Amino acid sequence: MAWDIRLRAKLRGDTLMAQAKSRSVRSVRVRLALWNVGILALVLLVFGVVIQYRVKSLALAGIDHRLNNFANNMRRAAATDLYFPYPPPARSR
């Protein structure tokens, strides 16, 4: 059987590789596998983008919260004529 395929390919001028490629791409199994790989890649890409956006927004929200607290402390200190909202660090000898 294999020699028959090779002989027909040689008579038509096709290479065995080109014939195998054309047959494999038309295969239902290969097309389904390619669809599965494509859909999985798309799902992973979307998931990665969503996770990256969520982590970035949470990190920026934390920074904004800390900056807001610091600004409020500084505002309170300026209102009470205290320039440092925290006690100075203890000096070690």
Foldseek 3Di string as FASTA:
>chain_A
DVVVVCVVCVVVVHDPVVVVVVVQVPDPVNVVVVVVVVVVVVVVVVVVVVVVVVVVVVVVVVVVVVVVVVVVLCVVCVVVVHRDSDDDDDDDD
